[in-house]
Amino acid sequence: MAEAELTAWMQGHVPGFEGPLRLERLAGGQSNPTWRVDAASGAYVLRQKPLGKILPSAHQVDREYRVMQALAATDVPVPRVYALCEDEAVMGSMFFVMEYLEGRTLYDPRLPDLTPSDRTATFDAMNAAIAAISKVDPVAVGLGDYGRLGGYVERQISRWTKQYRAAETHKIAAMDGLIDWLPAHLPQAPEEVRLAHGDFRLDNLILHKTEPRVLAVVDWELSTLGCPYADFAYNVMVWRVAPGLFRGLGGVDLAGSGIPTEDEYIDQWCQRTGRARPENFDFYVILSLFRLAAIVQGIAKRAQDGTANDPRAVEMGKIAGPLAEIAWGMARR
């Protein structure tokens, strides 16, 4: 690792930086290598494009940098970003540097280690964060050209259908059913264009160490201009998925837990964003489940081909069918 080159670059681009520095690879952020940088002036986070040959549209850390920079003056909690480096001579690939936030990342939405009141407050804080994203006017923050205008839902169906077909390892009847059902049930209302995070869930939040408060929303790699209902539905999907299948709340008795019901959570978001709940909101949840099933099917294909990085890839691949079954069950209702 070229620590001398990085030190020199940070001295020239990160305000207040003082070396020497030490790099430590962080867990998570699997698709983009993520490092903790410890220096005399404090701690930082460095997010880097993977080394080697990658798809042209993938791992665009410059887009992550741009969106967090644009959101700094909004109500969306994001880390402070310092600088973007497009010179591959420094680290071998493009990267950006942002502040290091001391906090917690929680993975299980049942929040087993929290009290009922802290669970309520944590879900409320998560709801406020996704509501804040859903209210951002992309043009007002300089992101008017951050993605295509309109047609987001239709493109999502097309994209994930193609991805699924390319990764198919065996027949999943529920996926075949959804591939026909989704385009036939596209919402007819004009699609509102807003900023979409693309992967908004509990474990992409950094929470305060002791308080039920969101310090930052991270992992903006899939962000674009999209439909606020579709973006929010990906967050709501946890109420449909059982904990044993994927990190979810499906089938969990929430009485007395402090965790809101799915309807309560949706109502909170509608109230915060000033939007009415569409009659066909389930369509967006079905689309989210379909998309997740297509993603894990891709992992299954890579496991079969022997190119998966994650040792859990084979197990992960097995959940595509059950996820599709949940979505297909909702569609048939």
C-alpha atoms as a PDB file:
ATOM      1  CA  MET A   1       0.000   0.000   0.000  1.00  0.00           C
ATOM      2  CA  ALA A   2       1.448   3.342  -1.089  1.00  0.00           C
ATOM      3  CA  GLU A   3       1.221   5.092   2.284  1.00  0.00           C
ATOM      4  CA  ALA A   4       3.793   7.768   1.373  1.00  0.00           C
ATOM      5  CA  GLU A   5       1.833   8.766  -1.754  1.00  0.00           C
ATOM      6  CA  LEU A   6      -1.452   8.777   0.184  1.00  0.00           C
ATOM      7  CA  THR A   7       0.054  10.882   2.981  1.00  0.00           C
ATOM      8  CA  ALA A   8       1.288  13.460   0.473  1.00  0.00           C
ATOM      9  CA  TRP A   9      -2.067  13.525  -1.332  1.00  0.00           C
ATOM     10  CA  MET A  10      -4.053  13.954   1.920  1.00  0.00           C
ATOM     11  CA  GLN A  11      -1.761  16.767   3.063  1.00  0.00           C
ATOM     12  CA  GLY A  12      -2.609  18.597  -0.157  1.00  0.00           C
ATOM     13  CA  HIS A  13      -6.359  17.856  -0.260  1.00  0.00           C
ATOM     14  CA  VAL A  14      -7.793  17.195   3.232  1.00  0.00           C
ATOM     15  CA  PRO A  15      -8.096  20.336   5.391  1.00  0.00           C
ATOM     16  CA  GLY A  16      -6.234  20.036   8.686  1.00  0.00           C
ATOM     17  CA  PHE A  17      -4.691  16.650   7.844  1.00  0.00           C
ATOM     18  CA  GLU A  18      -1.448  15.750   9.626  1.00  0.00           C
ATOM     19  CA  GLY A  19       0.511  12.535   9.112  1.00  0.00           C
ATOM     20  CA  PRO A  20       1.855   9.999   9.584  1.00  0.00           C
ATOM     21  CA  LEU A  21      -1.049   7.695   8.744  1.00  0.00           C
ATOM     22  CA  ARG A  22      -1.947   4.027   9.163  1.00  0.00           C
ATOM     23  CA  LEU A  23      -4.506   2.112   7.048  1.00  0.00           C
ATOM     24  CA  GLU A  24      -6.842  -0.616   8.307  1.00  0.00           C
ATOM     25  CA  ARG A  25      -9.304  -2.463   6.044  1.00  0.00           C
ATOM     26  CA  LEU A  26     -12.857  -2.278   7.427  1.00  0.00           C
ATOM     27  CA  ALA A  27     -15.400  -5.106   7.286  1.00  0.00           C
ATOM     28  CA  GLY A  28     -18.518  -4.351   5.238  1.00  0.00           C
ATOM     29  CA  GLY A  29     -18.471  -2.182   2.136  1.00  0.00           C
ATOM     30  CA  GLN A  30     -17.658  -5.392   0.264  1.00  0.00           C
ATOM     31  CA  SER A  31     -18.152  -4.055  -3.258  1.00  0.00           C
ATOM     32  CA  ASN A  32     -15.934  -1.021  -2.669  1.00  0.00           C
ATOM     33  CA  PRO A  33     -12.869  -1.578  -0.443  1.00  0.00           C
ATOM     34  CA  THR A  34     -13.276   0.635   2.625  1.00  0.00           C
ATOM     35  CA  TRP A  35     -10.404   1.679   4.887  1.00  0.00           C
ATOM     36  CA  ARG A  36     -10.030   3.402   8.221  1.00  0.00           C
ATOM     37  CA  VAL A  37      -7.230   5.956   8.080  1.00  0.00           C
ATOM     38  CA  ASP A  38      -5.681   6.826  11.448  1.00  0.00           C
ATOM     39  CA  ALA A  39      -3.480   9.910  11.469  1.00  0.00           C
ATOM     40  CA  ALA A  40      -2.089  12.448  13.911  1.00  0.00           C
ATOM     41  CA  SER A  41      -5.018  14.715  12.979  1.00  0.00           C
ATOM     42  CA  GLY A  42      -7.664  12.046  13.700  1.00  0.00           C
ATOM     43  CA  ALA A  43      -9.515   9.233  11.955  1.00  0.00           C
ATOM     44  CA  TYR A  44     -10.945   9.228   8.412  1.00  0.00           C
ATOM     45  CA  VAL A  45     -12.673   6.741   6.107  1.00  0.00           C
ATOM     46  CA  LEU A  46     -11.381   6.052   2.605  1.00  0.00           C
ATOM     47  CA  ARG A  47     -13.660   4.374   0.024  1.00  0.00           C
ATOM     48  CA  GLN A  48     -11.976   3.035  -3.051  1.00  0.00           C
ATOM     49  CA  LYS A  49     -12.923   1.555  -6.410  1.00  0.00           C
ATOM     50  CA  PRO A  50     -11.826  -2.118  -6.560  1.00  0.00           C
ATOM     51  CA  LEU A  51      -8.536  -2.757  -8.323  1.00  0.00           C
ATOM     52  CA  GLY A  52      -8.500  -4.588 -11.648  1.00  0.00           C
ATOM     53  CA  LYS A  53     -11.062  -4.984 -14.408  1.00  0.00           C
ATOM     54  CA  ILE A  54     -14.661  -4.074 -13.446  1.00  0.00           C
ATOM     55  CA  LEU A  55     -17.897  -3.279 -15.264  1.00  0.00           C
ATOM     56  CA  PRO A  56     -17.906   0.325 -16.584  1.00  0.00           C
ATOM     57  CA  SER A  57     -21.061   1.341 -14.682  1.00  0.00           C
ATOM     58  CA  ALA A  58     -20.152  -0.382 -11.387  1.00  0.00           C
ATOM     59  CA  HIS A  59     -18.327   0.832  -8.267  1.00  0.00           C
ATOM     60  CA  GLN A  60     -18.699   4.531  -9.079  1.00  0.00           C
ATOM     61  CA  VAL A  61     -17.235   5.976  -5.904  1.00  0.00           C
ATOM     62  CA  ASP A  62     -17.216   9.408  -7.571  1.00  0.00           C
ATOM     63  CA  ARG A  63     -21.044   9.277  -7.617  1.00  0.00           C
ATOM     64  CA  GLU A  64     -21.100   8.372  -3.901  1.00  0.00           C
ATOM     65  CA  TYR A  65     -18.806  11.318  -3.215  1.00  0.00           C
ATOM     66  CA  ARG A  66     -20.945  13.660  -5.314  1.00  0.00           C
ATOM     67  CA  VAL A  67     -24.270  12.705  -3.712  1.00  0.00           C
ATOM     68  CA  MET A  68     -22.991  12.997  -0.123  1.00  0.00           C
ATOM     69  CA  GLN A  69     -21.377  16.341  -0.934  1.00  0.00           C
ATOM     70  CA  ALA A  70     -24.695  17.563  -2.402  1.00  0.00           C
ATOM     71  CA  LEU A  71     -26.663  16.368   0.650  1.00  0.00           C
ATOM     72  CA  ALA A  72     -24.442  18.117   3.193  1.00  0.00           C
ATOM     73  CA  ALA A  73     -26.749  21.162   3.306  1.00  0.00           C
ATOM     74  CA  THR A  74     -29.982  19.107   3.560  1.00  0.00           C
ATOM     75  CA  ASP A  75     -31.788  17.289   6.399  1.00  0.00           C
ATOM     76  CA  VAL A  76     -30.336  13.945   5.213  1.00  0.00           C
ATOM     77  CA  PRO A  77     -27.677  12.802   7.705  1.00  0.00           C
ATOM     78  CA  VAL A  78     -24.491  12.006   5.756  1.00  0.00           C
ATOM     79  CA  PRO A  79     -20.798  11.907   6.663  1.00  0.00           C
ATOM     80  CA  ARG A  80     -18.770  14.979   5.767  1.00  0.00           C
ATOM     81  CA  VAL A  81     -16.758  14.286   2.605  1.00  0.00           C
ATOM     82  CA  TYR A  82     -13.339  15.890   2.199  1.00  0.00           C
ATOM     83  CA  ALA A  83     -11.908  15.130  -1.236  1.00  0.00           C
ATOM     84  CA  LEU A  84     -12.079  12.852  -4.282  1.00  0.00           C
ATOM     85  CA  CYS A  85      -8.926  11.467  -5.901  1.00  0.00           C
ATOM     86  CA  GLU A  86      -9.163  10.478  -9.566  1.00  0.00           C
ATOM     87  CA  ASP A  87      -5.402   9.958  -9.916  1.00  0.00           C
ATOM     88  CA  GLU A  88      -4.921   6.173  -9.900  1.00  0.00           C
ATOM     89  CA  ALA A  89      -1.185   6.563  -9.187  1.00  0.00           C
ATOM     90  CA  VAL A  90      -1.946   7.330  -5.512  1.00  0.00           C
ATOM     91  CA  MET A  91      -3.813   4.139  -4.475  1.00  0.00           C
ATOM     92  CA  GLY A  92      -4.150   2.159  -7.711  1.00  0.00           C
ATOM     93  CA  SER A  93      -7.761   3.288  -8.272  1.00  0.00           C
ATOM     94  CA  MET A  94     -10.109   6.219  -7.682  1.00  0.00           C
ATOM     95  CA  PHE A  95     -11.105   6.912  -4.056  1.00  0.00           C
ATOM     96  CA  PHE A  96     -12.586   9.529  -1.752  1.00  0.00           C
ATOM     97  CA  VAL A  97     -12.017  10.473   1.872  1.00  0.00           C
ATOM     98  CA  MET A  98     -14.754  11.263   4.398  1.00  0.00           C
ATOM     99  CA  GLU A  99     -15.056  11.732   8.132  1.00  0.00           C
ATOM    100  CA  TYR A 100     -14.944   8.728  10.473  1.00  0.00           C
ATOM    101  CA  LEU A 101     -18.055   8.522  12.653  1.00  0.00           C
ATOM    102  CA  GLU A 102     -17.871   6.652  15.942  1.00  0.00           C
ATOM    103  CA  GLY A 103     -21.174   4.788  16.131  1.00  0.00           C
ATOM    104  CA  ARG A 104     -23.089   1.512  15.829  1.00  0.00           C
ATOM    105  CA  THR A 105     -24.297  -0.553  12.901  1.00  0.00           C
ATOM    106  CA  LEU A 106     -27.241  -2.829  13.746  1.00  0.00           C
ATOM    107  CA  TYR A 107     -28.141  -5.788  11.518  1.00  0.00           C
ATOM    108  CA  ASP A 108     -31.113  -7.530  13.135  1.00  0.00           C
ATOM    109  CA  PRO A 109     -34.290  -5.384  12.778  1.00  0.00           C
ATOM    110  CA  ARG A 110     -35.763  -7.130  15.833  1.00  0.00           C
ATOM    111  CA  LEU A 111     -33.161  -5.109  17.812  1.00  0.00           C
ATOM    112  CA  PRO A 112     -32.865  -7.817  20.482  1.00  0.00           C
ATOM    113  CA  ASP A 113     -30.443  -5.855  22.679  1.00  0.00           C
ATOM    114  CA  LEU A 114     -32.586  -2.710  22.939  1.00  0.00           C
ATOM    115  CA  THR A 115     -35.452  -1.738  25.230  1.00  0.00           C
ATOM    116  CA  PRO A 116     -38.959  -1.299  23.703  1.00  0.00           C
ATOM    117  CA  SER A 117     -38.685   2.507  23.975  1.00  0.00           C
ATOM    118  CA  ASP A 118     -35.295   2.497  22.235  1.00  0.00           C
ATOM    119  CA  ARG A 119     -36.686   0.228  19.497  1.00  0.00           C
ATOM    120  CA  THR A 120     -39.527   2.697  18.909  1.00  0.00           C
ATOM    121  CA  ALA A 121     -37.080   5.599  18.770  1.00  0.00           C
ATOM    122  CA  THR A 122     -34.666   3.728  16.463  1.00  0.00           C
ATOM    123  CA  PHE A 123     -37.405   2.882  13.937  1.00  0.00           C
ATOM    124  CA  ASP A 124     -38.635   6.467  14.157  1.00  0.00           C
ATOM    125  CA  ALA A 125     -35.120   7.778  13.439  1.00  0.00           C
ATOM    126  CA  MET A 126     -34.755   5.384  10.483  1.00  0.00           C
ATOM    127  CA  ASN A 127     -38.150   6.523   9.154  1.00  0.00           C
ATOM    128  CA  ALA A 128     -37.110  10.174   9.486  1.00  0.00           C
ATOM    129  CA  ALA A 129     -33.904   9.472   7.526  1.00  0.00           C
ATOM    130  CA  ILE A 130     -35.644   7.802   4.554  1.00  0.00           C
ATOM    131  CA  ALA A 131     -38.341  10.509   4.643  1.00  0.00           C
ATOM    132  CA  ALA A 132     -35.625  13.183   4.436  1.00  0.00           C
ATOM    133  CA  ILE A 133     -34.135  11.461   1.357  1.00  0.00           C
ATOM    134  CA  SER A 134     -37.613  11.207  -0.231  1.00  0.00           C
ATOM    135  CA  LYS A 135     -38.114  14.974   0.185  1.00  0.00           C
ATOM    136  CA  VAL A 136     -34.879  16.130  -1.463  1.00  0.00           C
ATOM    137  CA  ASP A 137     -35.425  18.104  -4.662  1.00  0.00           C
ATOM    138  CA  PRO A 138     -32.557  16.849  -6.856  1.00  0.00           C
ATOM    139  CA  VAL A 139     -32.451  20.025  -8.959  1.00  0.00           C
ATOM    140  CA  ALA A 140     -32.202  22.267  -5.880  1.00  0.00           C
ATOM    141  CA  VAL A 141     -29.082  20.425  -4.623  1.00  0.00           C
ATOM    142  CA  GLY A 142     -27.362  20.211  -8.026  1.00  0.00           C
ATOM    143  CA  LEU A 143     -28.325  16.594  -8.778  1.00  0.00           C
ATOM    144  CA  GLY A 144     -30.755  17.269 -11.625  1.00  0.00           C
ATOM    145  CA  ASP A 145     -28.561  15.217 -13.982  1.00  0.00           C
ATOM    146  CA  TYR A 146     -27.815  12.414 -11.484  1.00  0.00           C
ATOM    147  CA  GLY A 147     -30.002   9.902 -13.349  1.00  0.00           C
ATOM    148  CA  ARG A 148     -32.658   9.538 -16.003  1.00  0.00           C
ATOM    149  CA  LEU A 149     -35.896  11.463 -15.466  1.00  0.00           C
ATOM    150  CA  GLY A 150     -38.900   9.152 -15.060  1.00  0.00           C
ATOM    151  CA  GLY A 151     -39.464   5.525 -16.059  1.00  0.00           C
ATOM    152  CA  TYR A 152     -37.488   4.298 -13.028  1.00  0.00           C
ATOM    153  CA  VAL A 153     -39.896   1.504 -12.034  1.00  0.00           C
ATOM    154  CA  GLU A 154     -40.136   0.182 -15.576  1.00  0.00           C
ATOM    155  CA  ARG A 155     -36.338   0.186 -15.925  1.00  0.00           C
ATOM    156  CA  GLN A 156     -35.971  -1.635 -12.590  1.00  0.00           C
ATOM    157  CA  ILE A 157     -38.281  -4.431 -13.775  1.00  0.00           C
ATOM    158  CA  SER A 158     -36.372  -4.724 -17.050  1.00  0.00           C
ATOM    159  CA  ARG A 159     -32.934  -4.554 -15.425  1.00  0.00           C
ATOM    160  CA  TRP A 160     -33.567  -7.171 -12.741  1.00  0.00           C
ATOM    161  CA  THR A 161     -35.404  -9.478 -15.151  1.00  0.00           C
ATOM    162  CA  LYS A 162     -32.312  -9.470 -17.386  1.00  0.00           C
ATOM    163  CA  GLN A 163     -29.980  -9.941 -14.406  1.00  0.00           C
ATOM    164  CA  TYR A 164     -32.080 -12.834 -13.128  1.00  0.00           C
ATOM    165  CA  ARG A 165     -32.261 -14.557 -16.524  1.00  0.00           C
ATOM    166  CA  ALA A 166     -28.485 -14.229 -16.931  1.00  0.00           C
ATOM    167  CA  ALA A 167     -27.938 -15.818 -13.505  1.00  0.00           C
ATOM    168  CA  GLU A 168     -30.637 -18.526 -13.638  1.00  0.00           C
ATOM    169  CA  THR A 169     -29.317 -21.823 -12.287  1.00  0.00           C
ATOM    170  CA  HIS A 170     -32.672 -23.616 -12.062  1.00  0.00           C
ATOM    171  CA  LYS A 171     -36.335 -22.876 -12.712  1.00  0.00           C
ATOM    172  CA  ILE A 172     -38.139 -20.790 -10.069  1.00  0.00           C
ATOM    173  CA  ALA A 173     -41.820 -20.724 -11.024  1.00  0.00           C
ATOM    174  CA  ALA A 174     -42.557 -17.728  -8.744  1.00  0.00           C
ATOM    175  CA  MET A 175     -39.892 -15.652 -10.527  1.00  0.00           C
ATOM    176  CA  ASP A 176     -41.365 -16.578 -13.916  1.00  0.00           C
ATOM    177  CA  GLY A 177     -44.787 -15.488 -12.612  1.00  0.00           C
ATOM    178  CA  LEU A 178     -43.419 -12.162 -11.343  1.00  0.00           C
ATOM    179  CA  ILE A 179     -41.604 -11.459 -14.616  1.00  0.00           C
ATOM    180  CA  ASP A 180     -45.019 -11.535 -16.338  1.00  0.00           C
ATOM    181  CA  TRP A 181     -46.992  -9.903 -13.499  1.00  0.00           C
ATOM    182  CA  LEU A 182     -44.849  -6.833 -12.770  1.00  0.00           C
ATOM    183  CA  PRO A 183     -44.961  -5.134 -16.223  1.00  0.00           C
ATOM    184  CA  ALA A 184     -48.705  -5.879 -16.417  1.00  0.00           C
ATOM    185  CA  HIS A 185     -49.359  -4.073 -13.114  1.00  0.00           C
ATOM    186  CA  LEU A 186     -47.192  -0.956 -13.498  1.00  0.00           C
ATOM    187  CA  PRO A 187     -48.663   1.991 -11.557  1.00  0.00           C
ATOM    188  CA  GLN A 188     -50.528   4.312 -13.913  1.00  0.00           C
ATOM    189  CA  ALA A 189     -49.987   7.514 -11.930  1.00  0.00           C
ATOM    190  CA  PRO A 190     -47.214   9.834 -13.215  1.00  0.00           C
ATOM    191  CA  GLU A 191     -43.913   8.914 -11.568  1.00  0.00           C
ATOM    192  CA  GLU A 192     -42.445  11.526  -9.247  1.00  0.00           C
ATOM    193  CA  VAL A 193     -38.682  12.022  -9.680  1.00  0.00           C
ATOM    194  CA  ARG A 194     -36.746  12.215  -6.444  1.00  0.00           C
ATOM    195  CA  LEU A 195     -33.352  11.113  -5.146  1.00  0.00           C
ATOM    196  CA  ALA A 196     -33.351   7.349  -4.432  1.00  0.00           C
ATOM    197  CA  HIS A 197     -30.772   5.733  -2.136  1.00  0.00           C
ATOM    198  CA  GLY A 198     -31.312   2.353  -3.792  1.00  0.00           C
ATOM    199  CA  ASP A 199     -30.335   0.198  -0.795  1.00  0.00           C
ATOM    200  CA  PHE A 200     -31.873   1.866   2.250  1.00  0.00           C
ATOM    201  CA  ARG A 201     -31.959  -0.512   5.210  1.00  0.00           C
ATOM    202  CA  LEU A 202     -31.059  -0.612   8.897  1.00  0.00           C
ATOM    203  CA  ASP A 203     -27.488  -1.821   8.372  1.00  0.00           C
ATOM    204  CA  ASN A 204     -26.693   1.067   6.013  1.00  0.00           C
ATOM    205  CA  LEU A 205     -27.148   3.497   8.894  1.00  0.00           C
ATOM    206  CA  ILE A 206     -24.538   4.602  11.404  1.00  0.00           C
ATOM    207  CA  LEU A 207     -26.305   5.117  14.720  1.00  0.00           C
ATOM    208  CA  HIS A 208     -25.054   7.079  17.716  1.00  0.00           C
ATOM    209  CA  LYS A 209     -23.093   4.860  20.153  1.00  0.00           C
ATOM    210  CA  THR A 210     -25.672   5.102  22.928  1.00  0.00           C
ATOM    211  CA  GLU A 211     -28.663   7.066  21.614  1.00  0.00           C
ATOM    212  CA  PRO A 212     -31.340   5.916  19.118  1.00  0.00           C
ATOM    213  CA  ARG A 213     -30.204   8.556  16.641  1.00  0.00           C
ATOM    214  CA  VAL A 214     -29.012   8.284  13.023  1.00  0.00           C
ATOM    215  CA  LEU A 215     -25.619   9.931  12.554  1.00  0.00           C
ATOM    216  CA  ALA A 216     -25.341   9.053   8.862  1.00  0.00           C
ATOM    217  CA  VAL A 217     -26.836   7.149   5.950  1.00  0.00           C
ATOM    218  CA  VAL A 218     -24.012   5.379   4.079  1.00  0.00           C
ATOM    219  CA  ASP A 219     -23.444   3.109   1.039  1.00  0.00           C
ATOM    220  CA  TRP A 220     -24.859   5.383  -1.674  1.00  0.00           C
ATOM    221  CA  GLU A 221     -23.394   3.215  -4.448  1.00  0.00           C
ATOM    222  CA  LEU A 222     -26.810   2.394  -5.978  1.00  0.00           C
ATOM    223  CA  SER A 223     -28.238   5.906  -5.630  1.00  0.00           C
ATOM    224  CA  THR A 224     -29.832   7.609  -8.626  1.00  0.00           C
ATOM    225  CA  LEU A 225     -32.916   9.629  -9.555  1.00  0.00           C
ATOM    226  CA  GLY A 226     -35.894   7.369  -8.951  1.00  0.00           C
ATOM    227  CA  CYS A 227     -39.349   6.855  -7.533  1.00  0.00           C
ATOM    228  CA  PRO A 228     -39.738   7.669  -3.808  1.00  0.00           C
ATOM    229  CA  TYR A 229     -42.354   4.920  -3.286  1.00  0.00           C
ATOM    230  CA  ALA A 230     -40.054   2.279  -4.775  1.00  0.00           C
ATOM    231  CA  ASP A 231     -37.081   3.480  -2.709  1.00  0.00           C
ATOM    232  CA  PHE A 232     -39.105   3.473   0.517  1.00  0.00           C
ATOM    233  CA  ALA A 233     -40.674   0.062  -0.225  1.00  0.00           C
ATOM    234  CA  TYR A 234     -37.216  -1.533  -0.165  1.00  0.00           C
ATOM    235  CA  ASN A 235     -36.997  -0.405   3.476  1.00  0.00           C
ATOM    236  CA  VAL A 236     -40.545  -1.655   4.222  1.00  0.00           C
ATOM    237  CA  MET A 237     -39.767  -5.113   2.788  1.00  0.00           C
ATOM    238  CA  VAL A 238     -38.389  -6.320   6.164  1.00  0.00           C
ATOM    239  CA  TRP A 239     -41.945  -6.729   7.512  1.00  0.00           C
ATOM    240  CA  ARG A 240     -42.552  -9.397   4.824  1.00  0.00           C
ATOM    241  CA  VAL A 241     -39.395 -11.471   5.252  1.00  0.00           C
ATOM    242  CA  ALA A 242     -38.937 -13.926   8.138  1.00  0.00           C
ATOM    243  CA  PRO A 243     -35.843 -13.496  10.360  1.00  0.00           C
ATOM    244  CA  GLY A 244     -34.656 -17.009   9.486  1.00  0.00           C
ATOM    245  CA  LEU A 245     -34.782 -16.304   5.758  1.00  0.00           C
ATOM    246  CA  PHE A 246     -33.097 -12.893   5.643  1.00  0.00           C
ATOM    247  CA  ARG A 247     -32.848 -10.127   8.205  1.00  0.00           C
ATOM    248  CA  GLY A 248     -36.560  -9.402   8.608  1.00  0.00           C
ATOM    249  CA  LEU A 249     -39.622  -9.098  10.838  1.00  0.00           C
ATOM    250  CA  GLY A 250     -42.036 -11.388   8.957  1.00  0.00           C
ATOM    251  CA  GLY A 251     -44.141 -13.441  11.382  1.00  0.00           C
ATOM    252  CA  VAL A 252     -42.628 -11.753  14.466  1.00  0.00           C
ATOM    253  CA  ASP A 253     -45.115 -10.875  17.224  1.00  0.00           C
ATOM    254  CA  LEU A 254     -44.511  -7.136  17.558  1.00  0.00           C
ATOM    255  CA  ALA A 255     -46.955  -6.578  20.442  1.00  0.00           C
ATOM    256  CA  GLY A 256     -45.104  -4.891  23.293  1.00  0.00           C
ATOM    257  CA  SER A 257     -41.821  -4.896  21.333  1.00  0.00           C
ATOM    258  CA  GLY A 258     -41.800  -1.167  20.622  1.00  0.00           C
ATOM    259  CA  ILE A 259     -41.406  -1.930  16.906  1.00  0.00           C
ATOM    260  CA  PRO A 260     -44.136  -0.334  14.747  1.00  0.00           C
ATOM    261  CA  THR A 261     -46.326  -2.436  12.465  1.00  0.00           C
ATOM    262  CA  GLU A 262     -45.775  -2.158   8.719  1.00  0.00           C
ATOM    263  CA  ASP A 263     -48.869   0.060   8.368  1.00  0.00           C
ATOM    264  CA  GLU A 264     -47.764   2.351  11.205  1.00  0.00           C
ATOM    265  CA  TYR A 265     -44.319   2.723   9.647  1.00  0.00           C
ATOM    266  CA  ILE A 266     -45.760   3.535   6.202  1.00  0.00           C
ATOM    267  CA  ASP A 267     -48.170   6.053   7.761  1.00  0.00           C
ATOM    268  CA  GLN A 268     -45.262   7.775   9.545  1.00  0.00           C
ATOM    269  CA  TRP A 269     -43.374   8.176   6.263  1.00  0.00           C
ATOM    270  CA  CYS A 270     -46.465   9.479   4.454  1.00  0.00           C
ATOM    271  CA  GLN A 271     -47.050  12.014   7.216  1.00  0.00           C
ATOM    272  CA  ARG A 272     -43.413  13.151   7.158  1.00  0.00           C
ATOM    273  CA  THR A 273     -43.239  13.472   3.363  1.00  0.00           C
ATOM    274  CA  GLY A 274     -46.751  14.844   2.804  1.00  0.00           C
ATOM    275  CA  ARG A 275     -47.574  11.987   0.419  1.00  0.00           C
ATOM    276  CA  ALA A 276     -50.727   9.890   0.252  1.00  0.00           C
ATOM    277  CA  ARG A 277     -50.312   6.136   0.492  1.00  0.00           C
ATOM    278  CA  PRO A 278     -51.098   4.702  -2.966  1.00  0.00           C
ATOM    279  CA  GLU A 279     -53.682   1.919  -3.104  1.00  0.00           C
ATOM    280  CA  ASN A 280     -51.156  -0.272  -4.877  1.00  0.00           C
ATOM    281  CA  PHE A 281     -48.261   0.272  -2.426  1.00  0.00           C
ATOM    282  CA  ASP A 282     -47.827  -3.523  -2.269  1.00  0.00           C
ATOM    283  CA  PHE A 283     -46.691  -3.381  -5.918  1.00  0.00           C
ATOM    284  CA  TYR A 284     -43.533  -1.555  -4.811  1.00  0.00           C
ATOM    285  CA  VAL A 285     -42.871  -4.090  -2.024  1.00  0.00           C
ATOM    286  CA  ILE A 286     -43.340  -6.946  -4.534  1.00  0.00           C
ATOM    287  CA  LEU A 287     -40.852  -5.225  -6.853  1.00  0.00           C
ATOM    288  CA  SER A 288     -38.369  -4.898  -3.966  1.00  0.00           C
ATOM    289  CA  LEU A 289     -38.650  -8.607  -3.128  1.00  0.00           C
ATOM    290  CA  PHE A 290     -38.248  -9.503  -6.819  1.00  0.00           C
ATOM    291  CA  ARG A 291     -35.145  -7.317  -7.021  1.00  0.00           C
ATOM    292  CA  LEU A 292     -33.605  -8.885  -3.899  1.00  0.00           C
ATOM    293  CA  ALA A 293     -34.375 -12.384  -5.242  1.00  0.00           C
ATOM    294  CA  ALA A 294     -32.606 -11.468  -8.510  1.00  0.00           C
ATOM    295  CA  ILE A 295     -29.585 -10.164  -6.569  1.00  0.00           C
ATOM    296  CA  VAL A 296     -29.217 -13.335  -4.473  1.00  0.00           C
ATOM    297  CA  GLN A 297     -29.732 -15.450  -7.607  1.00  0.00           C
ATOM    298  CA  GLY A 298     -26.694 -13.636  -9.026  1.00  0.00           C
ATOM    299  CA  ILE A 299     -24.764 -14.650  -5.893  1.00  0.00           C
ATOM    300  CA  ALA A 300     -25.940 -18.271  -6.405  1.00  0.00           C
ATOM    301  CA  LYS A 301     -24.678 -18.198  -9.998  1.00  0.00           C
ATOM    302  CA  ARG A 302     -21.279 -16.875  -8.924  1.00  0.00           C
ATOM    303  CA  ALA A 303     -21.106 -19.595  -6.249  1.00  0.00           C
ATOM    304  CA  GLN A 304     -21.879 -22.233  -8.894  1.00  0.00           C
ATOM    305  CA  ASP A 305     -19.234 -20.774 -11.216  1.00  0.00           C
ATOM    306  CA  GLY A 306     -16.700 -20.614  -8.382  1.00  0.00           C
ATOM    307  CA  THR A 307     -16.259 -16.833  -8.657  1.00  0.00           C
ATOM    308  CA  ALA A 308     -18.068 -15.744  -5.461  1.00  0.00           C
ATOM    309  CA  ASN A 309     -15.942 -13.842  -2.911  1.00  0.00           C
ATOM    310  CA  ASP A 310     -18.265 -14.456   0.022  1.00  0.00           C
ATOM    311  CA  PRO A 311     -18.004 -17.862   1.747  1.00  0.00           C
ATOM    312  CA  ARG A 312     -21.757 -17.634   2.507  1.00  0.00           C
ATOM    313  CA  ALA A 313     -22.597 -17.338  -1.208  1.00  0.00           C
ATOM    314  CA  VAL A 314     -24.035 -20.862  -1.536  1.00  0.00           C
ATOM    315  CA  GLU A 315     -26.359 -20.353   1.457  1.00  0.00           C
ATOM    316  CA  MET A 316     -27.332 -16.864   0.279  1.00  0.00           C
ATOM    317  CA  GLY A 317     -28.186 -18.225  -3.154  1.00  0.00           C
ATOM    318  CA  LYS A 318     -30.741 -20.600  -1.663  1.00  0.00           C
ATOM    319  CA  ILE A 319     -33.061 -17.789  -0.545  1.00  0.00           C
ATOM    320  CA  ALA A 320     -33.950 -16.546  -4.053  1.00  0.00           C
ATOM    321  CA  GLY A 321     -36.826 -19.042  -4.342  1.00  0.00           C
ATOM    322  CA  PRO A 322     -38.392 -18.332  -0.912  1.00  0.00           C
ATOM    323  CA  LEU A 323     -38.167 -14.537  -1.491  1.00  0.00           C
ATOM    324  CA  ALA A 324     -39.866 -14.938  -4.868  1.00  0.00           C
ATOM    325  CA  GLU A 325     -42.584 -17.076  -3.240  1.00  0.00           C
ATOM    326  CA  ILE A 326     -43.377 -14.289  -0.750  1.00  0.00           C
ATOM    327  CA  ALA A 327     -43.639 -11.743  -3.580  1.00  0.00           C
ATOM    328  CA  TRP A 328     -45.692 -14.073  -5.772  1.00  0.00           C
ATOM    329  CA  GLY A 329     -48.058 -14.766  -2.871  1.00  0.00           C
ATOM    330  CA  MET A 330     -48.586 -11.007  -2.448  1.00  0.00           C
ATOM    331  CA  ALA A 331     -49.126 -10.560  -6.196  1.00  0.00           C
ATOM    332  CA  ARG A 332     -51.787 -13.276  -6.369  1.00  0.00           C
ATOM    333  CA  ARG A 333     -53.716 -11.672  -3.484  1.00  0.00           C
END
